[in-house]
């Protein structure tokens, strides 16, 4: 059984597509294991999720950035600026 292990995609559709083309050029795989950090910080997070969800026989593990993306609200956006006293 041939398994492709992908991680730290971080919303980079261009890099993901390059890796998937390389996998196909090498004869394909029977399954994909996606080991987290799928979307945070990258330019195309939604498109990356669409591509990954269309892959056959896929297993996902949530990474630390995935956990913060799934949290209620955006933890970074909800931080209040610190006021430094004079």
Protein backbone atom coordinates (compact mmCIF):
# COMPACT_ATOMS: atom_id res chain seq x y z
CA UNK A 1 0.00 0.00 0.00
CA UNK A 2 1.34 3.42 -0.99
CA UNK A 3 0.49 6.32 1.33
CA UNK A 4 1.18 10.02 0.76
CA UNK A 5 1.82 11.93 3.97
CA UNK A 6 1.19 15.68 3.73
CA UNK A 7 1.50 18.31 6.44
CA UNK A 8 2.03 22.02 7.02
CA UNK A 9 0.18 23.04 3.85
CA UNK A 10 -0.82 26.35 5.48
CA UNK A 11 -3.25 27.41 2.75
CA UNK A 12 -0.67 27.22 -0.04
CA UNK A 13 -2.65 25.93 -3.03
CA UNK A 14 0.27 26.34 -5.44
CA UNK A 15 2.57 24.09 -3.40
CA UNK A 16 -0.20 21.57 -2.70
CA UNK A 17 -0.98 21.21 -6.40
CA UNK A 18 2.73 20.74 -7.19
CA UNK A 19 2.97 17.93 -4.62
CA UNK A 20 -0.21 16.26 -5.89
CA UNK A 21 1.10 16.39 -9.49
CA UNK A 22 4.36 14.81 -8.34
CA UNK A 23 2.47 12.05 -6.53
CA UNK A 24 0.52 11.26 -9.71
CA UNK A 25 3.69 11.35 -11.83
CA UNK A 26 5.21 8.73 -9.51
CA UNK A 27 2.26 6.37 -9.97
CA UNK A 28 -0.24 7.66 -7.40
CA UNK A 29 -1.08 6.37 -3.95
CA UNK A 30 -3.73 4.28 -2.25
CA UNK A 31 -4.36 6.74 0.58
CA UNK A 32 -3.52 10.21 1.87
CA UNK A 33 -2.66 11.06 5.45
CA UNK A 34 -2.98 14.79 6.13
CA UNK A 35 -1.13 15.62 9.34
CA UNK A 36 -2.43 19.04 10.18
CA UNK A 37 -1.76 22.74 9.78
CA UNK A 38 -3.91 22.93 6.68
CA UNK A 39 -5.01 26.54 6.29
CA UNK A 40 -3.61 29.12 8.71
CA UNK A 41 -1.47 31.91 7.30
CA UNK A 42 -1.73 30.93 3.64
CA UNK A 43 -3.28 32.80 0.72
CA UNK A 44 -5.87 30.17 -0.39
CA UNK A 45 -7.21 28.37 2.71
CA UNK A 46 -10.67 27.60 1.32
CA UNK A 47 -9.31 26.24 -1.95
CA UNK A 48 -6.84 24.01 -0.06
CA UNK A 49 -9.72 22.54 1.96
CA UNK A 50 -11.72 21.94 -1.24
CA UNK A 51 -8.80 20.11 -2.86
CA UNK A 52 -8.05 18.00 0.21
CA UNK A 53 -11.68 17.06 0.75
CA UNK A 54 -11.81 15.77 -2.83
CA UNK A 55 -8.92 13.34 -2.40
CA UNK A 56 -9.86 9.65 -2.05
CA UNK A 57 -9.08 7.55 1.05
CA UNK A 58 -7.96 10.47 3.19
CA UNK A 59 -7.32 10.63 6.92
CA UNK A 60 -6.93 13.96 8.70
CA UNK A 61 -5.19 14.86 11.93
CA UNK A 62 -5.81 18.31 13.38
CA UNK A 63 -2.69 20.44 13.87
CA UNK A 64 -2.21 23.27 16.32
CA UNK A 65 -3.09 25.98 13.77
CA UNK A 66 -6.17 24.01 12.73
CA UNK A 67 -7.36 23.96 16.33
CA UNK A 68 -7.09 27.73 16.61
CA UNK A 69 -8.90 28.22 13.27
CA UNK A 70 -11.77 26.07 14.53
CA UNK A 71 -12.08 27.89 17.86
CA UNK A 72 -15.05 30.17 18.32
CA UNK A 73 -13.94 33.44 16.84
CA UNK A 74 -10.41 34.21 15.88
CA UNK A 75 -8.22 34.25 19.00
CA UNK A 76 -5.77 36.69 17.42
CA UNK A 77 -8.51 39.09 16.39
CA UNK A 78 -10.09 38.98 19.83
CA UNK A 79 -6.93 40.08 21.63
CA UNK A 80 -7.13 43.59 22.92
CA UNK A 81 -4.08 45.80 22.48
CA UNK A 82 -2.06 46.27 25.61
CA UNK A 83 -1.85 49.78 26.95
CA UNK A 84 1.59 50.67 28.21
CA UNK A 85 1.40 53.19 31.05
CA UNK A 86 3.53 56.32 30.78
